[in-house]
Amino acid sequence: MKITILGTRGEVKESAAGHIKHSGVLVDQAILFDIGEREFLGIRPEAIFIAHLHPDHAFLILEPAKIETDIPIYAPEGHKNAEITVR
């Protein structure tokens, strides 16, 4: 199993090179836990799991987003800023 930490920064000031981006953990290039940054969608994992709806775990909470994707996205609940269509 290969785990890649994409980001760990919460809602705090950037403090180190590896602590710049919001939450994202990629497992075996297939499962992405959290989309703290819009750019993480470009990784194209097989599935995305959002731990909880805080802005550092789901960028779309502060940045309204219309996401059309064939990647299944699992979250504990919906949010008014997120329009997610899984094809």
PDB file of N, CA and C in Angstrom:
ATOM      1  N   MET A   1       0.845  -1.172   0.000  1.00  0.00           N
ATOM      2  CA  MET A   1       0.000   0.000   0.000  1.00  0.00           C
ATOM      3  C   MET A   1       0.892   1.237   0.000  1.00  0.00           C
ATOM      4  N   LYS A   2       0.561   2.183  -0.877  1.00  0.00           N
ATOM      5  CA  LYS A   2       1.302   3.439  -0.930  1.00  0.00           C
ATOM      6  C   LYS A   2       0.375   4.577  -0.522  1.00  0.00           C
ATOM      7  N   ILE A   3       0.790   5.328   0.476  1.00  0.00           N
ATOM      8  CA  ILE A   3       0.016   6.474   0.951  1.00  0.00           C
ATOM      9  C   ILE A   3       0.794   7.747   0.649  1.00  0.00           C
ATOM     10  N   THR A   4       0.122   8.693  -0.015  1.00  0.00           N
ATOM     11  CA  THR A   4       0.730   9.975  -0.340  1.00  0.00           C
ATOM     12  C   THR A   4      -0.051  11.070   0.371  1.00  0.00           C
ATOM     13  N   ILE A   5       0.620  11.830   1.198  1.00  0.00           N
ATOM     14  CA  ILE A   5      -0.011  12.959   1.887  1.00  0.00           C
ATOM     15  C   ILE A   5       0.051  14.162   0.948  1.00  0.00           C
ATOM     16  N   LEU A   6      -1.097  14.636   0.510  1.00  0.00           N
ATOM     17  CA  LEU A   6      -1.173  15.772  -0.403  1.00  0.00           C
ATOM     18  C   LEU A   6      -1.244  17.097   0.341  1.00  0.00           C
ATOM     19  N   GLY A   7      -1.807  17.066   1.526  1.00  0.00           N
ATOM     20  CA  GLY A   7      -1.936  18.285   2.317  1.00  0.00           C
ATOM     21  C   GLY A   7      -2.389  17.958   3.718  1.00  0.00           C
ATOM     22  N   THR A   8      -1.974  18.809   4.653  1.00  0.00           N
ATOM     23  CA  THR A   8      -2.334  18.600   6.060  1.00  0.00           C
ATOM     24  C   THR A   8      -2.746  19.888   6.757  1.00  0.00           C
ATOM     25  N   ARG A   9      -2.694  20.991   6.033  1.00  0.00           N
ATOM     26  CA  ARG A   9      -2.962  22.272   6.674  1.00  0.00           C
ATOM     27  C   ARG A   9      -4.448  22.446   6.934  1.00  0.00           C
ATOM     28  N   GLY A  10      -4.784  22.741   8.143  1.00  0.00           N
ATOM     29  CA  GLY A  10      -6.162  23.069   8.485  1.00  0.00           C
ATOM     30  C   GLY A  10      -6.410  24.539   8.202  1.00  0.00           C
ATOM     31  N   GLU A  11      -7.247  25.148   8.949  1.00  0.00           N
ATOM     32  CA  GLU A  11      -7.546  26.573   8.784  1.00  0.00           C
ATOM     33  C   GLU A  11      -6.560  27.410   9.602  1.00  0.00           C
ATOM     34  N   VAL A  12      -5.289  27.144   9.378  1.00  0.00           N
ATOM     35  CA  VAL A  12      -4.231  27.880  10.060  1.00  0.00           C
ATOM     36  C   VAL A  12      -3.264  28.432   9.027  1.00  0.00           C
ATOM     37  N   LYS A  13      -2.417  29.324   9.448  1.00  0.00           N
ATOM     38  CA  LYS A  13      -1.432  29.936   8.564  1.00  0.00           C
ATOM     39  C   LYS A  13      -0.430  28.884   8.081  1.00  0.00           C
ATOM     40  N   GLU A  14       0.000  29.008   6.802  1.00  0.00           N
ATOM     41  CA  GLU A  14       1.008  28.099   6.269  1.00  0.00           C
ATOM     42  C   GLU A  14       2.269  28.214   7.114  1.00  0.00           C
ATOM     43  N   SER A  15       2.850  27.055   7.468  1.00  0.00           N
ATOM     44  CA  SER A  15       3.999  27.109   8.363  1.00  0.00           C
ATOM     45  C   SER A  15       5.205  26.317   7.868  1.00  0.00           C
ATOM     46  N   ALA A  16       5.030  25.448   6.895  1.00  0.00           N
ATOM     47  CA  ALA A  16       6.139  24.659   6.384  1.00  0.00           C
ATOM     48  C   ALA A  16       5.794  24.167   4.984  1.00  0.00           C
ATOM     49  N   ALA A  17       6.807  23.819   4.218  1.00  0.00           N
ATOM     50  CA  ALA A  17       6.600  23.401   2.828  1.00  0.00           C
ATOM     51  C   ALA A  17       5.599  22.254   2.707  1.00  0.00           C
ATOM     52  N   GLY A  18       5.661  21.279   3.569  1.00  0.00           N
ATOM     53  CA  GLY A  18       4.746  20.150   3.512  1.00  0.00           C
ATOM     54  C   GLY A  18       3.409  20.417   4.176  1.00  0.00           C
ATOM     55  N   HIS A  19       3.233  21.628   4.638  1.00  0.00           N
ATOM     56  CA  HIS A  19       2.034  21.982   5.397  1.00  0.00           C
ATOM     57  C   HIS A  19       1.324  23.156   4.721  1.00  0.00           C
ATOM     58  N   ILE A  20       1.392  23.196   3.391  1.00  0.00           N
ATOM     59  CA  ILE A  20       0.847  24.329   2.635  1.00  0.00           C
ATOM     60  C   ILE A  20      -0.592  24.084   2.184  1.00  0.00           C
ATOM     61  N   LYS A  21      -0.885  22.899   1.705  1.00  0.00           N
ATOM     62  CA  LYS A  21      -2.201  22.615   1.136  1.00  0.00           C
ATOM     63  C   LYS A  21      -3.132  22.013   2.172  1.00  0.00           C
ATOM     64  N   HIS A  22      -4.433  22.206   1.929  1.00  0.00           N
ATOM     65  CA  HIS A  22      -5.437  21.630   2.815  1.00  0.00           C
ATOM     66  C   HIS A  22      -5.496  20.111   2.642  1.00  0.00           C
ATOM     67  N   SER A  23      -6.285  19.470   3.453  1.00  0.00           N
ATOM     68  CA  SER A  23      -6.307  18.018   3.609  1.00  0.00           C
ATOM     69  C   SER A  23      -6.506  17.232   2.314  1.00  0.00           C
ATOM     70  N   GLY A  24      -5.674  16.223   2.182  1.00  0.00           N
ATOM     71  CA  GLY A  24      -5.785  15.272   1.085  1.00  0.00           C
ATOM     72  C   GLY A  24      -4.834  14.115   1.331  1.00  0.00           C
ATOM     73  N   VAL A  25      -5.360  12.907   1.275  1.00  0.00           N
ATOM     74  CA  VAL A  25      -4.547  11.710   1.448  1.00  0.00           C
ATOM     75  C   VAL A  25      -4.920  10.749   0.319  1.00  0.00           C
ATOM     76  N   LEU A  26      -3.920  10.357  -0.456  1.00  0.00           N
ATOM     77  CA  LEU A  26      -4.135   9.476  -1.598  1.00  0.00           C
ATOM     78  C   LEU A  26      -3.592   8.090  -1.265  1.00  0.00           C
ATOM     79  N   VAL A  27      -4.419   7.074  -1.447  1.00  0.00           N
ATOM     80  CA  VAL A  27      -4.035   5.691  -1.154  1.00  0.00           C
ATOM     81  C   VAL A  27      -3.966   4.918  -2.468  1.00  0.00           C
ATOM     82  N   ASP A  28      -2.793   4.394  -2.759  1.00  0.00           N
ATOM     83  CA  ASP A  28      -2.563   3.574  -3.960  1.00  0.00           C
ATOM     84  C   ASP A  28      -3.044   4.233  -5.255  1.00  0.00           C
ATOM     85  N   GLN A  29      -2.941   5.535  -5.347  1.00  0.00           N
ATOM     86  CA  GLN A  29      -3.377   6.264  -6.540  1.00  0.00           C
ATOM     87  C   GLN A  29      -4.842   5.973  -6.882  1.00  0.00           C
ATOM     88  N   ALA A  30      -5.594   5.382  -5.947  1.00  0.00           N
ATOM     89  CA  ALA A  30      -6.953   4.947  -6.252  1.00  0.00           C
ATOM     90  C   ALA A  30      -8.019   5.582  -5.376  1.00  0.00           C
ATOM     91  N   ILE A  31      -7.707   5.837  -4.125  1.00  0.00           N
ATOM     92  CA  ILE A  31      -8.698   6.382  -3.201  1.00  0.00           C
ATOM     93  C   ILE A  31      -8.161   7.686  -2.630  1.00  0.00           C
ATOM     94  N   LEU A  32      -8.958   8.726  -2.742  1.00  0.00           N
ATOM     95  CA  LEU A  32      -8.584  10.034  -2.211  1.00  0.00           C
ATOM     96  C   LEU A  32      -9.472  10.349  -1.016  1.00  0.00           C
ATOM     97  N   PHE A  33      -8.854  10.588   0.105  1.00  0.00           N
ATOM     98  CA  PHE A  33      -9.572  11.010   1.294  1.00  0.00           C
ATOM     99  C   PHE A  33      -9.444  12.522   1.389  1.00  0.00           C
ATOM    100  N   ASP A  34     -10.532  13.224   1.231  1.00  0.00           N
ATOM    101  CA  ASP A  34     -10.660  14.676   1.317  1.00  0.00           C
ATOM    102  C   ASP A  34     -10.182  15.384   0.054  1.00  0.00           C
ATOM    103  N   ILE A  35     -10.904  16.452  -0.274  1.00  0.00           N
ATOM    104  CA  ILE A  35     -10.534  17.309  -1.407  1.00  0.00           C
ATOM    105  C   ILE A  35     -10.406  18.737  -0.884  1.00  0.00           C
ATOM    106  N   GLY A  36      -9.382  18.934  -0.079  1.00  0.00           N
ATOM    107  CA  GLY A  36      -9.130  20.245   0.501  1.00  0.00           C
ATOM    108  C   GLY A  36      -8.734  21.286  -0.531  1.00  0.00           C
ATOM    109  N   GLU A  37      -8.290  20.838  -1.685  1.00  0.00           N
ATOM    110  CA  GLU A  37      -7.885  21.731  -2.776  1.00  0.00           C
ATOM    111  C   GLU A  37      -8.560  21.275  -4.067  1.00  0.00           C
ATOM    112  N   ARG A  38      -9.028  22.231  -4.868  1.00  0.00           N
ATOM    113  CA  ARG A  38      -9.678  21.912  -6.141  1.00  0.00           C
ATOM    114  C   ARG A  38      -8.762  21.064  -7.034  1.00  0.00           C
ATOM    115  N   GLU A  39      -7.473  21.348  -7.017  1.00  0.00           N
ATOM    116  CA  GLU A  39      -6.534  20.639  -7.889  1.00  0.00           C
ATOM    117  C   GLU A  39      -6.485  19.129  -7.621  1.00  0.00           C
ATOM    118  N   PHE A  40      -6.892  18.686  -6.448  1.00  0.00           N
ATOM    119  CA  PHE A  40      -6.876  17.258  -6.127  1.00  0.00           C
ATOM    120  C   PHE A  40      -7.808  16.465  -7.036  1.00  0.00           C
ATOM    121  N   LEU A  41      -8.837  17.110  -7.589  1.00  0.00           N
ATOM    122  CA  LEU A  41      -9.747  16.423  -8.501  1.00  0.00           C
ATOM    123  C   LEU A  41      -9.017  15.953  -9.758  1.00  0.00           C
ATOM    124  N   GLY A  42      -7.939  16.637 -10.122  1.00  0.00           N
ATOM    125  CA  GLY A  42      -7.170  16.276 -11.309  1.00  0.00           C
ATOM    126  C   GLY A  42      -6.402  14.973 -11.170  1.00  0.00           C
ATOM    127  N   ILE A  43      -6.307  14.445  -9.988  1.00  0.00           N
ATOM    128  CA  ILE A  43      -5.594  13.186  -9.757  1.00  0.00           C
ATOM    129  C   ILE A  43      -6.353  12.012 -10.367  1.00  0.00           C
ATOM    130  N   ARG A  44      -7.665  12.136 -10.449  1.00  0.00           N
ATOM    131  CA  ARG A  44      -8.543  11.122 -11.030  1.00  0.00           C
ATOM    132  C   ARG A  44      -8.481   9.781 -10.293  1.00  0.00           C
ATOM    133  N   PRO A  45      -8.727   9.788  -8.979  1.00  0.00           N
ATOM    134  CA  PRO A  45      -8.769   8.511  -8.255  1.00  0.00           C
ATOM    135  C   PRO A  45     -10.031   7.740  -8.625  1.00  0.00           C
ATOM    136  N   GLU A  46     -10.133   6.521  -8.150  1.00  0.00           N
ATOM    137  CA  GLU A  46     -11.317   5.700  -8.412  1.00  0.00           C
ATOM    138  C   GLU A  46     -12.494   6.117  -7.532  1.00  0.00           C
ATOM    139  N   ALA A  47     -12.205   6.694  -6.354  1.00  0.00           N
ATOM    140  CA  ALA A  47     -13.254   7.143  -5.440  1.00  0.00           C
ATOM    141  C   ALA A  47     -12.696   8.231  -4.528  1.00  0.00           C
ATOM    142  N   ILE A  48     -13.597   9.102  -4.065  1.00  0.00           N
ATOM    143  CA  ILE A  48     -13.235  10.173  -3.132  1.00  0.00           C
ATOM    144  C   ILE A  48     -14.130  10.058  -1.908  1.00  0.00           C
ATOM    145  N   PHE A  49     -13.517  10.110  -0.742  1.00  0.00           N
ATOM    146  CA  PHE A  49     -14.243  10.103   0.524  1.00  0.00           C
ATOM    147  C   PHE A  49     -13.942  11.405   1.245  1.00  0.00           C
ATOM    148  N   ILE A  50     -14.986  12.126   1.643  1.00  0.00           N
ATOM    149  CA  ILE A  50     -14.810  13.365   2.400  1.00  0.00           C
ATOM    150  C   ILE A  50     -15.134  13.051   3.857  1.00  0.00           C
ATOM    151  N   ALA A  51     -14.152  13.253   4.725  1.00  0.00           N
ATOM    152  CA  ALA A  51     -14.300  12.894   6.139  1.00  0.00           C
ATOM    153  C   ALA A  51     -15.434  13.676   6.797  1.00  0.00           C
ATOM    154  N   HIS A  52     -15.426  14.984   6.615  1.00  0.00           N
ATOM    155  CA  HIS A  52     -16.477  15.834   7.160  1.00  0.00           C
ATOM    156  C   HIS A  52     -16.433  17.160   6.418  1.00  0.00           C
ATOM    157  N   LEU A  53     -17.506  17.902   6.501  1.00  0.00           N
ATOM    158  CA  LEU A  53     -17.649  19.107   5.685  1.00  0.00           C
ATOM    159  C   LEU A  53     -17.122  20.358   6.380  1.00  0.00           C
ATOM    160  N   HIS A  54     -15.826  20.387   6.560  1.00  0.00           N
ATOM    161  CA  HIS A  54     -15.117  21.595   6.966  1.00  0.00           C
ATOM    162  C   HIS A  54     -14.320  22.052   5.757  1.00  0.00           C
ATOM    163  N   PRO A  55     -14.085  23.348   5.602  1.00  0.00           N
ATOM    164  CA  PRO A  55     -13.425  23.859   4.403  1.00  0.00           C
ATOM    165  C   PRO A  55     -12.048  23.264   4.122  1.00  0.00           C
ATOM    166  N   ASP A  56     -11.322  22.862   5.154  1.00  0.00           N
ATOM    167  CA  ASP A  56      -9.994  22.300   4.899  1.00  0.00           C
ATOM    168  C   ASP A  56     -10.061  20.848   4.416  1.00  0.00           C
ATOM    169  N   HIS A  57     -11.228  20.227   4.476  1.00  0.00           N
ATOM    170  CA  HIS A  57     -11.403  18.862   3.989  1.00  0.00           C
ATOM    171  C   HIS A  57     -12.210  18.817   2.694  1.00  0.00           C
ATOM    172  N   ALA A  58     -12.924  19.894   2.383  1.00  0.00           N
ATOM    173  CA  ALA A  58     -13.741  19.976   1.174  1.00  0.00           C
ATOM    174  C   ALA A  58     -13.747  21.427   0.705  1.00  0.00           C
ATOM    175  N   PHE A  59     -12.909  21.728  -0.291  1.00  0.00           N
ATOM    176  CA  PHE A  59     -12.742  23.105  -0.759  1.00  0.00           C
ATOM    177  C   PHE A  59     -14.059  23.765  -1.122  1.00  0.00           C
ATOM    178  N   LEU A  60     -15.021  22.981  -1.575  1.00  0.00           N
ATOM    179  CA  LEU A  60     -16.259  23.555  -2.088  1.00  0.00           C
ATOM    180  C   LEU A  60     -17.147  24.172  -1.018  1.00  0.00           C
ATOM    181  N   ILE A  61     -16.816  24.021   0.239  1.00  0.00           N
ATOM    182  CA  ILE A  61     -17.606  24.640   1.297  1.00  0.00           C
ATOM    183  C   ILE A  61     -17.482  26.162   1.234  1.00  0.00           C
ATOM    184  N   LEU A  62     -16.274  26.664   0.963  1.00  0.00           N
ATOM    185  CA  LEU A  62     -16.065  28.113   0.852  1.00  0.00           C
ATOM    186  C   LEU A  62     -16.110  28.604  -0.585  1.00  0.00           C
ATOM    187  N   GLU A  63     -15.936  27.704  -1.522  1.00  0.00           N
ATOM    188  CA  GLU A  63     -15.879  28.052  -2.937  1.00  0.00           C
ATOM    189  C   GLU A  63     -16.964  27.264  -3.658  1.00  0.00           C
ATOM    190  N   PRO A  64     -18.129  27.862  -3.841  1.00  0.00           N
ATOM    191  CA  PRO A  64     -19.207  27.115  -4.490  1.00  0.00           C
ATOM    192  C   PRO A  64     -18.711  26.433  -5.763  1.00  0.00           C
ATOM    193  N   ALA A  65     -19.077  25.181  -5.924  1.00  0.00           N
ATOM    194  CA  ALA A  65     -18.555  24.414  -7.039  1.00  0.00           C
ATOM    195  C   ALA A  65     -19.636  23.543  -7.655  1.00  0.00           C
ATOM    196  N   LYS A  66     -19.585  23.488  -8.962  1.00  0.00           N
ATOM    197  CA  LYS A  66     -20.411  22.532  -9.690  1.00  0.00           C
ATOM    198  C   LYS A  66     -19.428  21.500 -10.218  1.00  0.00           C
ATOM    199  N   ILE A  67     -19.526  20.305  -9.696  1.00  0.00           N
ATOM    200  CA  ILE A  67     -18.584  19.260 -10.055  1.00  0.00           C
ATOM    201  C   ILE A  67     -19.324  18.193 -10.837  1.00  0.00           C
ATOM    202  N   GLU A  68     -18.884  17.963 -12.077  1.00  0.00           N
ATOM    203  CA  GLU A  68     -19.418  16.868 -12.879  1.00  0.00           C
ATOM    204  C   GLU A  68     -18.271  15.894 -13.070  1.00  0.00           C
ATOM    205  N   THR A  69     -18.457  14.692 -12.601  1.00  0.00           N
ATOM    206  CA  THR A  69     -17.377  13.722 -12.643  1.00  0.00           C
ATOM    207  C   THR A  69     -17.927  12.313 -12.725  1.00  0.00           C
ATOM    208  N   ASP A  70     -17.102  11.401 -13.168  1.00  0.00           N
ATOM    209  CA  ASP A  70     -17.466   9.991 -13.139  1.00  0.00           C
ATOM    210  C   ASP A  70     -16.839   9.312 -11.926  1.00  0.00           C
ATOM    211  N   ILE A  71     -16.196  10.093 -11.063  1.00  0.00           N
ATOM    212  CA  ILE A  71     -15.592   9.574  -9.841  1.00  0.00           C
ATOM    213  C   ILE A  71     -16.650   9.595  -8.736  1.00  0.00           C
ATOM    214  N   PRO A  72     -16.931   8.469  -8.109  1.00  0.00           N
ATOM    215  CA  PRO A  72     -17.880   8.474  -6.992  1.00  0.00           C
ATOM    216  C   PRO A  72     -17.323   9.308  -5.832  1.00  0.00           C
ATOM    217  N   ILE A  73     -18.149  10.194  -5.287  1.00  0.00           N
ATOM    218  CA  ILE A  73     -17.755  11.024  -4.153  1.00  0.00           C
ATOM    219  C   ILE A  73     -18.699  10.704  -3.000  1.00  0.00           C
ATOM    220  N   TYR A  74     -18.113  10.339  -1.874  1.00  0.00           N
ATOM    221  CA  TYR A  74     -18.891   9.974  -0.696  1.00  0.00           C
ATOM    222  C   TYR A  74     -18.637  11.006   0.398  1.00  0.00           C
ATOM    223  N   ALA A  75     -19.708  11.539   0.960  1.00  0.00           N
ATOM    224  CA  ALA A  75     -19.614  12.526   2.033  1.00  0.00           C
ATOM    225  C   ALA A  75     -20.702  12.226   3.056  1.00  0.00           C
ATOM    226  N   PRO A  76     -20.502  12.673   4.291  1.00  0.00           N
ATOM    227  CA  PRO A  76     -21.485  12.362   5.329  1.00  0.00           C
ATOM    228  C   PRO A  76     -22.822  13.080   5.145  1.00  0.00           C
ATOM    229  N   GLU A  77     -22.836  14.141   4.345  1.00  0.00           N
ATOM    230  CA  GLU A  77     -24.060  14.909   4.121  1.00  0.00           C
ATOM    231  C   GLU A  77     -23.858  15.831   2.931  1.00  0.00           C
ATOM    232  N   GLY A  78     -24.913  16.424   2.452  1.00  0.00           N
ATOM    233  CA  GLY A  78     -24.808  17.383   1.363  1.00  0.00           C
ATOM    234  C   GLY A  78     -24.509  18.782   1.898  1.00  0.00           C
ATOM    235  N   HIS A  79     -24.249  19.707   0.994  1.00  0.00           N
ATOM    236  CA  HIS A  79     -23.985  21.091   1.382  1.00  0.00           C
ATOM    237  C   HIS A  79     -24.518  22.012   0.298  1.00  0.00           C
ATOM    238  N   LYS A  80     -25.022  23.159   0.687  1.00  0.00           N
ATOM    239  CA  LYS A  80     -25.645  24.089  -0.269  1.00  0.00           C
ATOM    240  C   LYS A  80     -24.676  24.574  -1.346  1.00  0.00           C
ATOM    241  N   ASN A  81     -23.369  24.589  -1.082  1.00  0.00           N
ATOM    242  CA  ASN A  81     -22.399  25.049  -2.075  1.00  0.00           C
ATOM    243  C   ASN A  81     -21.964  23.954  -3.038  1.00  0.00           C
ATOM    244  N   ALA A  82     -22.350  22.736  -2.787  1.00  0.00           N
ATOM    245  CA  ALA A  82     -21.857  21.627  -3.589  1.00  0.00           C
ATOM    246  C   ALA A  82     -22.941  21.054  -4.470  1.00  0.00           C
ATOM    247  N   GLU A  83     -22.733  21.158  -5.749  1.00  0.00           N
ATOM    248  CA  GLU A  83     -23.605  20.482  -6.702  1.00  0.00           C
ATOM    249  C   GLU A  83     -22.729  19.437  -7.371  1.00  0.00           C
ATOM    250  N   ILE A  84     -22.858  18.200  -6.931  1.00  0.00           N
ATOM    251  CA  ILE A  84     -22.012  17.131  -7.424  1.00  0.00           C
ATOM    252  C   ILE A  84     -22.871  16.181  -8.250  1.00  0.00           C
ATOM    253  N   THR A  85     -22.479  15.991  -9.492  1.00  0.00           N
ATOM    254  CA  THR A  85     -23.167  15.058 -10.376  1.00  0.00           C
ATOM    255  C   THR A  85     -22.198  13.950 -10.726  1.00  0.00           C
ATOM    256  N   VAL A  86     -22.522  12.745 -10.332  1.00  0.00           N
ATOM    257  CA  VAL A  86     -21.694  11.593 -10.680  1.00  0.00           C
ATOM    258  C   VAL A  86     -22.347  10.901 -11.866  1.00  0.00           C
ATOM    259  N   ARG A  87     -21.611  10.859 -12.975  1.00  0.00           N
ATOM    260  CA  ARG A  87     -22.150  10.260 -14.202  1.00  0.00           C
ATOM    261  C   ARG A  87     -21.998   8.757 -14.174  1.00  0.00           C
TER     262      ARG A  87
END
